[in-house]
Amino acid sequence: MAVSLTTHPTVAGSQVLAYGAARGDLLVPNDDLVGPIDSSDEWIRQRTGIVTRTRASEDVGVKDLSLTAAKEAIARSGIDLETLDAIIVSTISFPYATPSLATLLAGELGRPDVIAYDISAACAGFAYGIGQADALIRSGSARNVLVIGAEKLSDFVSPTDRSISFLLGDGAGAAVVGPSETPKVGPTVWGSDGENWSTIRMTGSSIDFRDGKVEWPTLEQDGRTVFRWAVWHTAQKVREMLEKSGLGIEDVDVFVPHQANMRIIDELAKQLKLPEDVVIGRDIAETGNTSAASIPLATHRLLEEGAAKSGDVLVQFGFGAGLAYAGQVLILP
């Protein structure tokens, strides 16, 4: 006997309603880090474009940063909290395997019964979250979705590691995504390159640490491989993303790639042949590389400073550990 199922109503599209941000409370200039890696302020600036980075005090955790960013985004969005149906958090630095950071935030925000889960896609994680929020809203599964990228990477840094230690900062960026009569979030282009998963990695597992086989696990990377992959692979995927959104390079107002390295950002702009009037996110200079938090933090800064404005066409693209990638074209709120 054939049966039919009742499905949820669908909506035409989604839109980002507002952003929120929280950076680590400590400013850490290059000079504070150069000793253990036998380097200099000049070398770090030339290699990465970083002048300083924000890191969080010992008593400030990933949850604290996330909550601050979330509250700002919710307040600015103007939504009724009762219409917030999902919380998605991207993080690789929440120190507990369970429960998820998203469920803890749901309780803190007074919405303990919502859809809540974490995703582990590192630097691509915020764009992964936006793609999932768009799908939840368009399918009718959620009215409004809170997407957060949050990291306290300073907990996973070896001060003597020359491959990545001087790059990393702490922070959280949040966005509230809601329904829209006309789509203001374009199709997500996402995927992974699992053959190169070890290019950005941990020095050991928590089990190895428990068993005394390794010191506290920290992040490390093959910098040259990451640079080549990020530039050539990302440029190709951004072009694909624009094509799927029905746009060309000439339609782009704002470009916010993952804040991995200023040289990567500059080379991407060159490869994509971005017009000179395109505003480019360069938050890495003051904040450092904050992995999942970097795209919303950079976007929030551009909006706050007036470099980007409501109605602008934003291209965002994240790439990193996994190797994972994801991006969308958005219309800014």
Protein backbone atom coordinates (compact mmCIF):
# COMPACT_ATOMS: atom_id res chain seq x y z
CA MET A 1 0.00 0.00 0.00
CA ALA A 2 1.48 3.31 -1.13
CA VAL A 3 1.65 6.14 1.38
CA SER A 4 2.53 9.78 1.02
CA LEU A 5 4.41 11.85 3.56
CA THR A 6 3.67 15.39 4.64
CA THR A 7 6.66 17.64 3.95
CA HIS A 8 7.66 20.95 5.46
CA PRO A 9 6.74 24.14 3.61
CA THR A 10 9.62 25.69 1.68
CA VAL A 11 10.73 29.28 1.23
CA ALA A 12 12.39 30.93 -1.75
CA GLY A 13 15.72 31.68 -0.13
CA SER A 14 17.66 32.92 2.84
CA GLN A 15 19.63 35.98 3.87
CA VAL A 16 22.17 37.01 6.48
CA LEU A 17 20.39 39.40 8.83
CA ALA A 18 23.27 40.55 11.03
CA TYR A 19 26.78 39.80 12.25
CA GLY A 20 28.42 39.72 15.67
CA ALA A 21 32.07 39.51 16.70
CA ALA A 22 34.37 38.87 19.64
CA ARG A 23 38.15 38.97 19.57
CA GLY A 24 40.61 37.79 22.17
CA ASP A 25 41.25 40.40 24.85
CA LEU A 26 45.06 40.33 24.48
CA LEU A 27 47.02 42.02 21.69
CA VAL A 28 50.11 39.96 20.92
CA PRO A 29 52.62 41.73 18.64
CA ASN A 30 55.18 39.84 16.58
CA ASP A 31 58.00 40.82 18.90
CA ASP A 32 56.40 38.75 21.69
CA LEU A 33 56.70 35.57 19.61
CA VAL A 34 59.97 35.82 17.67
CA GLY A 35 62.36 34.52 20.34
CA PRO A 36 61.37 30.82 20.43
CA ILE A 37 61.30 30.60 16.61
CA ASP A 38 64.52 32.60 16.10
CA SER A 39 62.76 35.07 13.84
CA SER A 40 61.91 38.79 13.62
CA ASP A 41 58.99 41.16 13.32
CA GLU A 42 60.08 41.98 9.77
CA TRP A 43 60.17 38.31 8.74
CA ILE A 44 56.65 37.64 10.05
CA ARG A 45 55.25 40.76 8.36
CA GLN A 46 56.84 39.84 5.03
CA ARG A 47 55.75 36.21 5.18
CA THR A 48 52.22 36.68 6.53
CA GLY A 49 51.21 40.35 6.67
CA ILE A 50 50.49 40.00 10.40
CA VAL A 51 51.41 42.93 12.63
CA THR A 52 49.67 41.67 15.76
CA ARG A 53 47.10 39.07 16.66
CA THR A 54 44.38 38.83 19.29
CA ARG A 55 44.53 36.04 21.83
CA ALA A 56 42.29 35.27 24.77
CA SER A 57 43.29 35.30 28.42
CA GLU A 58 43.54 31.99 30.23
CA ASP A 59 40.09 32.43 31.81
CA VAL A 60 38.39 33.31 28.49
CA GLY A 61 37.22 30.22 26.63
CA VAL A 62 35.73 29.42 23.24
CA LYS A 63 32.26 29.45 24.78
CA ASP A 64 32.78 32.97 26.17
CA LEU A 65 33.89 34.32 22.78
CA SER A 66 31.00 32.54 21.04
CA LEU A 67 28.40 33.86 23.45
CA THR A 68 29.55 37.47 23.02
CA ALA A 69 29.47 37.24 19.23
CA ALA A 70 26.11 35.42 19.27
CA LYS A 71 24.41 37.99 21.47
CA GLU A 72 25.52 40.85 19.25
CA ALA A 73 24.34 39.10 16.08
CA ILE A 74 20.95 38.24 17.60
CA ALA A 75 20.42 41.75 18.96
CA ARG A 76 21.32 43.37 15.64
CA SER A 77 19.16 40.96 13.64
CA GLY A 78 16.01 42.10 15.45
CA ILE A 79 14.52 38.59 15.46
CA ASP A 80 12.27 37.29 18.19
CA LEU A 81 14.43 34.78 20.07
CA GLU A 82 11.54 32.31 19.96
CA THR A 83 12.00 32.11 16.18
CA LEU A 84 15.62 30.96 16.47
CA ASP A 85 15.35 27.30 15.55
CA ALA A 86 18.96 26.18 15.05
CA ILE A 87 22.49 26.89 16.25
CA ILE A 88 25.46 25.68 14.20
CA VAL A 89 28.98 26.15 15.55
CA SER A 90 32.17 25.52 13.63
CA THR A 91 35.19 24.97 15.86
CA ILE A 92 38.26 22.78 16.15
CA SER A 93 39.34 24.13 19.53
CA PHE A 94 36.44 23.47 21.90
CA PRO A 95 38.18 21.30 24.53
CA TYR A 96 35.34 18.83 25.14
CA ALA A 97 34.42 15.93 22.87
CA THR A 98 30.87 16.16 24.23
CA PRO A 99 28.50 17.87 24.71
CA SER A 100 28.76 20.10 21.68
CA LEU A 101 29.48 23.79 22.10
CA ALA A 102 26.26 24.50 20.19
CA THR A 103 24.11 22.75 22.79
CA LEU A 104 25.81 24.64 25.63
CA LEU A 105 25.18 27.93 23.82
CA ALA A 106 21.55 26.96 23.25
CA GLY A 107 21.10 26.71 26.99
CA GLU A 108 22.99 29.95 27.67
CA LEU A 109 20.89 31.81 25.11
CA GLY A 110 17.59 30.57 26.53
CA ARG A 111 16.76 28.30 23.55
CA PRO A 112 17.59 24.84 24.92
CA ASP A 113 15.20 23.00 22.60
CA VAL A 114 16.61 24.07 19.22
CA ILE A 115 18.58 22.13 16.62
CA ALA A 116 22.17 22.44 17.87
CA TYR A 117 25.37 20.85 16.63
CA ASP A 118 29.06 21.48 15.97
CA ILE A 119 30.90 20.94 12.70
CA SER A 120 34.60 20.31 12.24
CA ALA A 121 35.70 21.88 8.97
CA ALA A 122 38.36 24.21 10.39
CA CYS A 123 38.93 27.29 8.22
CA ALA A 124 36.07 26.39 5.87
CA GLY A 125 33.68 25.83 8.77
CA PHE A 126 31.82 29.13 8.82
CA ALA A 127 30.98 28.84 5.11
CA TYR A 128 29.92 25.22 5.73
CA GLY A 129 27.59 26.54 8.43
CA ILE A 130 26.08 29.19 6.16
CA GLY A 131 25.43 26.53 3.52
CA GLN A 132 23.67 24.33 6.05
CA ALA A 133 21.67 27.25 7.45
CA ASP A 134 20.51 28.14 3.94
CA ALA A 135 19.36 24.55 3.36
CA LEU A 136 17.53 24.36 6.71
CA ILE A 137 15.64 27.57 6.00
CA ARG A 138 14.77 26.84 2.39
CA SER A 139 13.47 23.37 3.35
CA GLY A 140 11.24 24.82 6.06
CA SER A 141 13.14 23.01 8.82
CA ALA A 142 14.11 26.26 10.57
CA ARG A 143 12.97 29.85 10.59
CA ASN A 144 16.16 31.54 11.76
CA VAL A 145 19.61 29.98 12.24
CA LEU A 146 22.58 31.21 14.26
CA VAL A 147 25.91 30.31 12.63
CA ILE A 148 29.12 30.76 14.64
CA GLY A 149 32.79 30.27 13.83
CA ALA A 150 34.79 30.23 17.06
CA GLU A 151 38.36 29.34 17.98
CA LYS A 152 40.84 29.61 20.82
CA LEU A 153 43.80 28.38 18.83
CA SER A 154 46.32 29.69 21.34
CA ASP A 155 45.53 26.58 23.40
CA PHE A 156 46.94 24.44 20.56
CA VAL A 157 50.10 26.34 19.66
CA SER A 158 53.69 25.34 20.25
CA PRO A 159 55.72 28.55 20.65
CA THR A 160 58.70 26.87 18.95
CA ASP A 161 56.84 25.75 15.80
CA ARG A 162 57.95 27.86 12.82
CA SER A 163 55.23 26.54 10.51
CA ILE A 164 52.13 27.97 12.13
CA SER A 165 52.54 29.24 15.72
CA PHE A 166 52.96 32.93 14.82
CA LEU A 167 49.90 32.87 12.53
CA LEU A 168 47.17 31.98 14.98
CA GLY A 169 44.75 34.12 17.00
CA ASP A 170 41.56 33.71 19.03
CA GLY A 171 38.07 34.98 18.32
CA ALA A 172 34.48 34.26 17.33
CA GLY A 173 32.24 35.57 14.58
CA ALA A 174 28.50 34.98 14.32
CA ALA A 175 25.72 35.53 11.80
CA VAL A 176 21.96 35.18 12.03
CA VAL A 177 20.48 33.73 8.84
CA GLY A 178 16.77 34.10 8.12
CA PRO A 179 14.22 33.59 5.32
CA SER A 180 14.06 35.85 2.28
CA GLU A 181 11.49 36.23 -0.50
CA THR A 182 14.39 36.54 -2.95
CA PRO A 183 17.58 34.49 -2.40
CA LYS A 184 20.39 36.52 -0.86
CA VAL A 185 22.62 33.52 -0.20
CA GLY A 186 23.86 31.90 -3.37
CA PRO A 187 24.58 28.20 -3.98
CA THR A 188 27.33 26.80 -1.79
CA VAL A 189 30.37 25.35 -3.50
CA TRP A 190 32.03 22.96 -1.08
CA GLY A 191 34.08 19.84 -0.83
CA SER A 192 37.39 18.42 0.34
CA ASP A 193 40.75 17.08 -0.78
CA GLY A 194 41.20 14.15 1.57
CA GLU A 195 44.35 12.96 -0.18
CA ASN A 196 46.11 15.96 1.37
CA TRP A 197 44.51 15.68 4.82
CA SER A 198 47.90 15.62 6.56
CA THR A 199 49.01 18.98 5.16
CA ILE A 200 47.52 20.74 8.22
CA ARG A 201 47.46 18.43 11.21
CA MET A 202 47.84 17.86 14.93
CA THR A 203 51.13 16.58 16.34
CA GLY A 204 49.30 13.75 18.10
CA SER A 205 45.94 12.55 19.38
CA SER A 206 44.36 12.98 22.79
CA ILE A 207 44.78 9.22 23.28
CA ASP A 208 48.50 9.47 22.52
CA PHE A 209 48.73 12.32 25.05
CA ARG A 210 46.83 10.31 27.67
CA ASP A 211 49.16 7.38 27.18
CA GLY A 212 52.26 9.55 27.46
CA LYS A 213 53.35 8.96 23.86
CA VAL A 214 53.35 12.66 22.87
CA GLU A 215 53.46 16.07 24.45
CA TRP A 216 50.26 18.18 24.44
CA PRO A 217 49.12 18.01 20.77
CA THR A 218 49.51 21.23 18.79
CA LEU A 219 48.88 22.39 15.24
CA GLU A 220 51.46 22.23 12.47
CA GLN A 221 51.38 22.52 8.68
CA ASP A 222 53.34 22.19 5.45
CA GLY A 223 53.24 25.87 4.60
CA ARG A 224 54.41 25.75 0.99
CA THR A 225 51.93 23.00 0.07
CA VAL A 226 49.09 24.89 1.73
CA PHE A 227 50.02 28.10 -0.11
CA ARG A 228 50.04 26.46 -3.55
CA TRP A 229 46.83 24.52 -2.91
CA ALA A 230 44.99 27.52 -1.47
CA VAL A 231 45.83 29.87 -4.33
CA TRP A 232 45.22 27.65 -7.34
CA HIS A 233 42.39 25.53 -5.98
CA THR A 234 40.50 28.41 -4.39
CA ALA A 235 40.61 30.67 -7.43
CA GLN A 236 39.06 27.90 -9.53
CA LYS A 237 36.29 27.26 -7.00
CA VAL A 238 35.48 30.96 -6.60
CA ARG A 239 34.95 31.23 -10.37
CA GLU A 240 32.67 28.17 -10.20
CA MET A 241 30.76 29.73 -7.31
CA LEU A 242 30.16 32.97 -9.20
CA GLU A 243 28.98 31.06 -12.27
CA LYS A 244 26.49 29.06 -10.20
CA SER A 245 25.19 32.32 -8.70
CA GLY A 246 24.74 33.84 -12.16
CA LEU A 247 27.37 36.51 -11.56
CA GLY A 248 30.73 37.59 -12.92
CA ILE A 249 33.83 39.09 -11.35
CA GLU A 250 32.56 42.53 -12.34
CA ASP A 251 29.55 42.08 -10.01
CA VAL A 252 31.67 41.57 -6.87
CA ASP A 253 31.79 44.41 -4.34
CA VAL A 254 33.50 42.68 -1.43
CA PHE A 255 35.86 39.70 -1.27
CA VAL A 256 36.48 37.97 2.07
CA PRO A 257 38.58 34.81 1.81
CA HIS A 258 39.72 32.90 4.87
CA GLN A 259 42.34 35.03 6.62
CA ALA A 260 45.14 32.50 6.27
CA ASN A 261 48.01 34.65 5.09
CA MET A 262 48.16 38.09 3.46
CA ARG A 263 50.27 36.71 0.61
CA ILE A 264 47.56 34.15 -0.16
CA ILE A 265 44.89 36.86 -0.07
CA ASP A 266 46.89 39.10 -2.43
CA GLU A 267 47.65 36.26 -4.82
CA LEU A 268 44.00 35.21 -4.90
CA ALA A 269 42.95 38.75 -5.83
CA LYS A 270 45.53 38.67 -8.63
CA GLN A 271 44.47 35.25 -9.92
CA LEU A 272 40.80 36.26 -9.92
CA LYS A 273 41.62 39.60 -11.60
CA LEU A 274 39.46 41.47 -9.10
CA PRO A 275 38.73 45.08 -10.10
CA GLU A 276 40.63 47.68 -8.08
CA ASP A 277 37.46 48.96 -6.42
CA VAL A 278 36.62 45.59 -4.84
CA VAL A 279 36.92 45.78 -1.06
CA ILE A 280 39.09 42.94 0.27
CA GLY A 281 39.01 41.63 3.83
CA ARG A 282 42.46 41.91 5.43
CA ASP A 283 41.59 41.41 9.08
CA ILE A 284 44.54 39.06 9.46
CA ALA A 285 46.90 42.03 9.92
CA GLU A 286 45.43 42.86 13.35
CA THR A 287 43.63 39.65 14.38
CA GLY A 288 45.76 36.84 12.96
CA ASN A 289 44.46 33.59 11.52
CA THR A 290 41.43 32.53 13.58
CA SER A 291 40.41 29.55 11.43
CA ALA A 292 36.59 29.17 11.50
CA ALA A 293 36.14 32.67 12.94
CA SER A 294 38.17 34.51 10.33
CA ILE A 295 35.54 35.14 7.63
CA PRO A 296 32.80 36.54 9.91
CA LEU A 297 35.35 38.59 11.87
CA ALA A 298 36.73 40.12 8.69
CA THR A 299 33.24 40.81 7.34
CA HIS A 300 32.13 42.36 10.63
CA ARG A 301 35.16 44.68 10.59
CA LEU A 302 34.46 45.86 7.03
CA LEU A 303 30.84 46.64 7.91
CA GLU A 304 31.79 48.43 11.12
CA GLU A 305 34.39 50.56 9.35
CA GLY A 306 32.02 51.39 6.49
CA ALA A 307 34.25 49.81 3.84
CA ALA A 308 31.40 47.39 3.05
CA LYS A 309 27.73 48.35 3.12
CA SER A 310 24.25 46.92 3.04
CA GLY A 311 23.35 45.55 -0.38
CA ASP A 312 26.93 44.84 -1.43
CA VAL A 313 27.70 41.57 -3.19
CA LEU A 314 30.09 39.63 -0.95
CA VAL A 315 32.12 36.64 -2.06
CA GLN A 316 33.32 34.56 0.89
CA PHE A 317 35.44 31.45 0.66
CA GLY A 318 37.04 29.31 3.36
CA PHE A 319 39.79 26.75 2.91
CA GLY A 320 42.07 24.83 5.21
CA ALA A 321 42.53 21.72 7.33
CA GLY A 322 40.94 18.63 5.90
CA LEU A 323 41.70 19.84 3.33
CA ALA A 324 38.19 21.31 3.24
CA TYR A 325 36.74 24.24 1.32
CA ALA A 326 33.40 26.05 1.05
CA GLY A 327 32.04 29.39 -0.07
CA GLN A 328 29.03 31.43 -1.15
CA VAL A 329 28.01 34.71 -2.70
CA LEU A 330 25.97 36.79 -0.24
CA ILE A 331 24.09 40.07 -0.30
CA LEU A 332 25.21 41.95 2.80
CA PRO A 333 22.57 43.04 5.34
